[in-house]
Amino acid sequence: MNAAPTSSYSIRAAFSYCVQQVRSYDYHHYLCLLLLPPAMRKAAFAFRAFNVEIARAMDVASEPGVGVMRLLWWQEAIDKIFAKKLVEQPVARALSAVISEHKISKHWLKRLVEARINDGNKEEGYIPATIADLEKYAEDTVSTILYMTLQAGGIQSTAADHAASHIGKASGLLLLLRSLPYHAGRSGRIPYIPAEVAEKHGLLGRENGRLEIRRDLKEKLSDAVFEIAGVAVGHLQKGRELAPSVPEEAVPVLLPAVAVQVLFDAMEKSDFNVFDSSLGRGVLGGSPLWYQLKLRWHSLRNKY
């Protein structure tokens, strides 16, 4: 009988790799995860590292098709992990251990990848129709990570799930807005401003017969960003209003709400000009020390 295949990545090395990936590419969440109870922390780092992998797939690819192929590889890797097959990749190795220990739903991981694949397959210059389209994308990506973390902690609470949904949507919307300069620099176009918002603020224009978001109208663009950020902060408020019904053990999972508030405050200081260089400084446009103190303050008071 042949021996079972072994991985060149030990469990310890795989989780160490996950921590480093999150620290390097998702620092504000890295600081949040450090405040999780140990029982949930390893799983949360595996989920966030997985998100880093799929979020960067399109960014590091030489062309969109290559990025989508990488995402399809991850889609197949998830199937293999749940079939208890070895996948020689450190994040996959860590995910396999977490799934085995915590019985994480395959649905959540597939949902994350499929949302990225759908985004990667969009035509160049695609403009979402409504804010609801952005909210769905944020729900399918950011909220889903919170759902998995709650599941890893064995937390079954409708209130916690609803709070996670709102906080994920708030975070996702603001992070999309913060990414506008990056995407504009790569393609020369402004993505993630829905057509309904762009039209309302006089930002829709045509170039080569195709609808585009005008980036030269800075004040109107800031007005559009303000409108979307207002929807985001509305979700944050709804998530926080659920706090009295959220179990105490779920609160650390929802600490990314603090990051949402910090980013919104930084945008407000820049008059919602996402091209203001201050938004790229420190942590979410603010002092790293101040951000860590706010996280610690909320953690010690069991608030989010």
Protein backbone atom coordinates (compact mmCIF):
# COMPACT_ATOMS: atom_id res chain seq x y z
CA MET A 1 0.00 0.00 0.00
CA ASN A 2 1.35 3.44 -0.90
CA ALA A 3 1.97 5.87 1.91
CA ALA A 4 -0.36 8.88 2.18
CA PRO A 5 1.04 12.02 0.56
CA THR A 6 2.74 14.45 2.87
CA SER A 7 3.05 18.21 2.52
CA SER A 8 6.29 20.15 2.49
CA TYR A 9 4.43 22.78 4.53
CA SER A 10 4.02 21.88 8.18
CA ILE A 11 0.89 23.17 9.89
CA ARG A 12 2.99 25.58 11.95
CA ALA A 13 4.75 26.93 8.85
CA ALA A 14 1.46 27.25 6.97
CA PHE A 15 -0.15 29.32 9.71
CA SER A 16 3.00 31.43 10.07
CA TYR A 17 2.81 32.16 6.34
CA CYS A 18 -0.85 33.20 6.72
CA VAL A 19 0.01 35.62 9.51
CA GLN A 20 2.78 37.21 7.43
CA GLN A 21 0.53 37.57 4.40
CA VAL A 22 -2.17 39.33 6.40
CA ARG A 23 0.41 41.54 8.12
CA SER A 24 1.89 42.53 4.76
CA TYR A 25 -1.26 43.09 2.72
CA ASP A 26 -4.13 43.64 5.17
CA TYR A 27 -2.49 45.35 8.11
CA HIS A 28 -5.56 46.96 9.66
CA HIS A 29 -7.25 43.56 9.87
CA TYR A 30 -4.02 42.00 11.11
CA LEU A 31 -4.22 44.30 14.15
CA CYS A 32 -7.87 43.33 14.67
CA LEU A 33 -7.08 39.62 14.58
CA LEU A 34 -4.41 39.94 17.26
CA LEU A 35 -7.23 40.76 19.69
CA LEU A 36 -9.23 37.61 18.94
CA PRO A 37 -9.26 34.74 21.45
CA PRO A 38 -6.61 32.13 20.54
CA ALA A 39 -9.29 29.57 19.68
CA MET A 40 -10.50 31.76 16.80
CA ARG A 41 -7.30 33.58 15.88
CA LYS A 42 -5.63 30.86 13.81
CA ALA A 43 -8.78 30.26 11.80
CA ALA A 44 -9.29 33.98 11.24
CA PHE A 45 -5.72 34.39 9.95
CA ALA A 46 -6.28 31.50 7.52
CA PHE A 47 -9.48 33.13 6.23
CA ARG A 48 -7.88 36.55 5.85
CA ALA A 49 -4.81 35.09 4.15
CA PHE A 50 -7.11 33.25 1.75
CA ASN A 51 -8.83 36.55 1.03
CA VAL A 52 -5.44 38.18 0.38
CA GLU A 53 -4.62 35.43 -2.12
CA ILE A 54 -7.81 35.81 -4.12
CA ALA A 55 -8.00 39.61 -3.80
CA ARG A 56 -4.48 39.97 -5.22
CA ALA A 57 -4.98 37.42 -8.00
CA MET A 58 -6.16 40.04 -10.49
CA ASP A 59 -3.71 42.71 -9.30
CA VAL A 60 -0.54 40.68 -9.78
CA ALA A 61 -1.61 39.06 -13.06
CA SER A 62 -0.08 40.23 -16.33
CA GLU A 63 -3.55 40.27 -17.87
CA PRO A 64 -7.12 39.67 -16.60
CA GLY A 65 -7.36 36.17 -18.05
CA VAL A 66 -4.34 35.06 -16.04
CA GLY A 67 -5.88 36.44 -12.85
CA VAL A 68 -9.15 34.61 -13.49
CA MET A 69 -7.22 31.38 -14.08
CA ARG A 70 -5.61 31.79 -10.67
CA LEU A 71 -9.04 32.27 -9.11
CA LEU A 72 -10.32 29.16 -10.88
CA TRP A 73 -7.33 27.29 -9.43
CA TRP A 74 -8.48 28.34 -5.96
CA GLN A 75 -12.02 27.24 -6.76
CA GLU A 76 -10.68 23.77 -7.60
CA ALA A 77 -8.42 23.83 -4.54
CA ILE A 78 -11.43 24.30 -2.26
CA ASP A 79 -13.09 21.25 -3.80
CA LYS A 80 -9.90 19.24 -3.21
CA ILE A 81 -9.60 20.42 0.40
CA PHE A 82 -13.15 19.32 1.18
CA ALA A 83 -12.44 16.02 -0.57
CA LYS A 84 -9.52 15.66 1.88
CA LYS A 85 -6.94 15.85 -0.91
CA LEU A 86 -3.57 17.47 -0.38
CA VAL A 87 -3.05 20.92 -1.93
CA GLU A 88 0.59 21.99 -1.87
CA GLN A 89 0.15 25.66 -0.98
CA PRO A 90 0.59 27.13 2.51
CA VAL A 91 -2.74 28.98 2.72
CA ALA A 92 -4.55 25.92 1.38
CA ARG A 93 -2.74 23.80 3.99
CA ALA A 94 -3.86 26.13 6.78
CA LEU A 95 -7.42 26.20 5.44
CA SER A 96 -7.49 22.42 5.35
CA ALA A 97 -6.53 22.26 9.03
CA VAL A 98 -9.14 24.88 9.98
CA ILE A 99 -11.90 23.20 7.98
CA SER A 100 -11.09 19.85 9.56
CA GLU A 101 -11.10 21.29 13.09
CA HIS A 102 -14.05 23.69 12.89
CA LYS A 103 -16.28 22.16 10.17
CA ILE A 104 -16.40 25.39 8.17
CA SER A 105 -19.10 25.50 5.50
CA LYS A 106 -17.80 25.03 1.97
CA HIS A 107 -20.47 27.48 0.83
CA TRP A 108 -18.69 30.44 2.39
CA LEU A 109 -15.32 29.76 0.76
CA LYS A 110 -16.90 29.11 -2.63
CA ARG A 111 -18.91 32.29 -2.29
CA LEU A 112 -15.73 34.32 -1.71
CA VAL A 113 -13.98 32.95 -4.78
CA GLU A 114 -17.03 33.15 -7.03
CA ALA A 115 -17.52 36.83 -6.13
CA ARG A 116 -13.91 37.52 -7.18
CA ILE A 117 -14.27 35.47 -10.36
CA ASN A 118 -17.43 37.35 -11.33
CA ASP A 119 -15.65 40.64 -10.69
CA GLY A 120 -12.61 39.54 -12.69
CA ASN A 121 -14.75 38.46 -15.63
CA LYS A 122 -16.42 41.85 -16.00
CA GLU A 123 -15.70 43.71 -19.21
CA GLU A 124 -13.12 46.47 -19.15
CA GLY A 125 -14.80 49.72 -18.17
CA TYR A 126 -17.73 47.96 -16.45
CA ILE A 127 -19.82 50.30 -14.30
CA PRO A 128 -22.09 48.81 -11.61
CA ALA A 129 -25.70 49.90 -11.98
CA THR A 130 -26.64 50.58 -8.37
CA ILE A 131 -25.23 50.88 -4.86
CA ALA A 132 -27.06 47.60 -4.16
CA ASP A 133 -24.64 45.92 -6.59
CA LEU A 134 -21.70 47.16 -4.52
CA GLU A 135 -23.43 46.10 -1.30
CA LYS A 136 -23.86 42.57 -2.65
CA TYR A 137 -20.17 42.39 -3.57
CA ALA A 138 -19.21 43.60 -0.09
CA GLU A 139 -21.56 41.07 1.50
CA ASP A 140 -20.18 38.21 -0.61
CA THR A 141 -16.59 39.07 0.24
CA VAL A 142 -16.08 41.01 3.48
CA SER A 143 -19.19 39.89 5.40
CA THR A 144 -18.50 36.28 4.45
CA ILE A 145 -15.12 36.35 6.21
CA LEU A 146 -16.86 37.46 9.39
CA TYR A 147 -19.46 34.69 9.05
CA MET A 148 -16.70 32.08 8.78
CA THR A 149 -14.89 33.50 11.80
CA LEU A 150 -18.08 33.33 13.86
CA GLN A 151 -18.54 29.75 12.69
CA ALA A 152 -14.98 28.88 13.68
CA GLY A 153 -15.73 30.22 17.15
CA GLY A 154 -18.83 28.04 17.43
CA ILE A 155 -20.99 31.17 17.71
CA GLN A 156 -24.57 30.67 16.56
CA SER A 157 -26.39 33.97 16.86
CA THR A 158 -28.78 35.65 14.45
CA ALA A 159 -27.90 39.04 15.94
CA ALA A 160 -24.18 38.44 15.46
CA ASP A 161 -24.77 37.33 11.86
CA HIS A 162 -26.84 40.43 11.13
CA ALA A 163 -24.21 42.66 12.71
CA ALA A 164 -21.51 40.91 10.66
CA SER A 165 -23.53 41.49 7.50
CA HIS A 166 -23.82 45.23 8.13
CA ILE A 167 -20.21 45.69 9.24
CA GLY A 168 -18.95 43.71 6.27
CA LYS A 169 -21.00 45.82 3.87
CA ALA A 170 -19.77 49.03 5.52
CA SER A 171 -16.15 47.90 5.35
CA GLY A 172 -16.45 46.62 1.79
CA LEU A 173 -18.00 49.84 0.47
CA LEU A 174 -15.38 52.09 2.06
CA LEU A 175 -12.47 49.90 0.96
CA LEU A 176 -13.78 49.96 -2.61
CA LEU A 177 -13.87 53.76 -2.46
CA ARG A 178 -10.36 53.87 -0.99
CA SER A 179 -9.13 51.69 -3.87
CA LEU A 180 -10.31 54.11 -6.57
CA PRO A 181 -6.94 55.88 -7.02
CA TYR A 182 -5.18 52.53 -7.41
CA HIS A 183 -7.57 51.32 -10.08
CA ALA A 184 -7.60 54.70 -11.82
CA GLY A 185 -3.80 54.58 -11.94
CA ARG A 186 -3.84 51.12 -13.52
CA SER A 187 -6.58 51.60 -16.09
CA GLY A 188 -7.18 55.35 -16.25
CA ARG A 189 -10.82 54.67 -15.35
CA ILE A 190 -12.89 55.09 -12.20
CA PRO A 191 -14.60 51.83 -11.17
CA TYR A 192 -17.03 51.21 -8.29
CA ILE A 193 -19.06 54.41 -8.70
CA PRO A 194 -22.51 53.06 -9.65
CA ALA A 195 -24.21 54.52 -12.70
CA GLU A 196 -27.18 55.71 -10.63
CA VAL A 197 -24.87 57.74 -8.37
CA ALA A 198 -22.66 58.96 -11.21
CA GLU A 199 -25.66 60.17 -13.21
CA LYS A 200 -27.13 61.95 -10.20
CA HIS A 201 -23.88 63.89 -9.70
CA GLY A 202 -23.19 64.60 -13.37
CA LEU A 203 -20.23 62.24 -13.63
CA LEU A 204 -21.33 60.07 -16.52
CA GLY A 205 -19.60 60.78 -19.81
CA ARG A 206 -18.88 58.98 -23.07
CA GLU A 207 -15.53 58.11 -24.55
CA ASN A 208 -15.24 56.08 -27.76
CA GLY A 209 -18.95 55.41 -27.52
CA ARG A 210 -18.71 53.90 -24.05
CA LEU A 211 -20.02 55.24 -20.75
CA GLU A 212 -17.29 56.30 -18.35
CA ILE A 213 -17.02 57.98 -14.96
CA ARG A 214 -15.42 61.39 -15.39
CA ARG A 215 -12.48 61.85 -13.03
CA ASP A 216 -11.82 65.50 -13.92
CA LEU A 217 -14.85 66.75 -11.98
CA LYS A 218 -13.25 66.41 -8.57
CA GLU A 219 -15.93 68.13 -6.52
CA LYS A 220 -18.70 66.07 -8.09
CA LEU A 221 -16.66 62.90 -7.61
CA SER A 222 -16.26 63.78 -3.92
CA ASP A 223 -20.05 64.23 -3.71
CA ALA A 224 -20.55 60.78 -5.19
CA VAL A 225 -18.02 59.27 -2.78
CA PHE A 226 -19.81 61.02 0.10
CA GLU A 227 -23.12 59.47 -0.92
CA ILE A 228 -21.70 55.93 -1.03
CA ALA A 229 -19.75 56.49 2.20
CA GLY A 230 -23.01 57.62 3.79
CA VAL A 231 -24.58 54.26 2.90
CA ALA A 232 -21.54 52.55 4.42
CA VAL A 233 -21.73 54.43 7.70
CA GLY A 234 -25.46 53.67 7.80
CA HIS A 235 -24.59 49.98 7.78
CA LEU A 236 -22.03 50.58 10.53
CA GLN A 237 -24.67 52.25 12.68
CA LYS A 238 -27.14 49.41 12.10
CA GLY A 239 -24.46 46.89 13.03
CA ARG A 240 -23.67 48.74 16.24
CA GLU A 241 -27.35 49.11 17.14
CA LEU A 242 -27.49 45.31 17.35
CA ALA A 243 -24.76 45.27 20.03
CA PRO A 244 -27.13 44.66 23.01
CA SER A 245 -28.29 41.42 21.35
CA VAL A 246 -24.86 40.22 20.21
CA PRO A 247 -23.27 37.52 22.42
CA GLU A 248 -20.18 38.69 24.30
CA GLU A 249 -17.99 36.07 22.63
CA ALA A 250 -18.89 37.45 19.17
CA VAL A 251 -17.77 41.02 19.88
CA PRO A 252 -14.03 40.48 19.09
CA VAL A 253 -14.99 39.15 15.65
CA LEU A 254 -16.79 42.43 14.95
CA LEU A 255 -13.83 44.69 15.83
CA PRO A 256 -13.39 45.59 12.11
CA ALA A 257 -16.23 48.02 12.82
CA VAL A 258 -13.55 50.19 14.45
CA ALA A 259 -11.59 50.17 11.20
CA VAL A 260 -14.71 51.26 9.32
CA GLN A 261 -15.15 54.24 11.62
CA VAL A 262 -11.48 55.21 11.36
CA LEU A 263 -11.55 55.09 7.56
CA PHE A 264 -14.80 57.05 7.36
CA ASP A 265 -13.38 59.71 9.69
CA ALA A 266 -10.24 59.97 7.51
CA MET A 267 -12.37 60.37 4.38
CA GLU A 268 -14.44 63.03 6.10
CA LYS A 269 -11.28 64.99 6.97
CA SER A 270 -10.25 64.92 3.31
CA ASP A 271 -13.73 66.12 2.23
CA PHE A 272 -14.26 62.69 0.65
CA ASN A 273 -11.55 63.31 -1.91
CA VAL A 274 -10.24 59.75 -2.27
CA PHE A 275 -7.29 61.05 -4.27
CA ASP A 276 -6.05 62.98 -1.21
CA SER A 277 -2.62 61.50 -0.40
CA SER A 278 -3.41 61.56 3.34
CA LEU A 279 -5.68 58.53 2.91
CA GLY A 280 -2.68 56.43 1.96
CA ARG A 281 -0.70 57.27 5.09
CA GLY A 282 -0.45 55.33 8.34
CA VAL A 283 -3.31 52.90 8.93
CA LEU A 284 -6.42 53.81 6.95
CA GLY A 285 -5.24 57.39 6.70
CA GLY A 286 -4.62 57.79 10.42
CA SER A 287 -1.91 57.33 13.02
CA PRO A 288 -1.02 53.65 13.53
CA LEU A 289 -0.73 54.24 17.28
CA TRP A 290 -4.13 55.95 17.45
CA TYR A 291 -5.72 53.09 15.52
CA GLN A 292 -4.23 50.49 17.84
CA LEU A 293 -5.34 52.45 20.90
CA LYS A 294 -8.91 52.64 19.55
CA LEU A 295 -8.91 48.90 18.91
CA ARG A 296 -7.56 48.19 22.39
CA TRP A 297 -10.09 50.56 24.00
CA HIS A 298 -13.00 48.84 22.27
CA SER A 299 -11.60 45.38 23.02
CA LEU A 300 -11.14 46.07 26.73
CA ARG A 301 -14.73 47.37 26.97
CA ASN A 302 -16.06 44.51 24.86
CA LYS A 303 -17.43 46.94 22.29
CA TYR A 304 -17.22 47.16 18.53
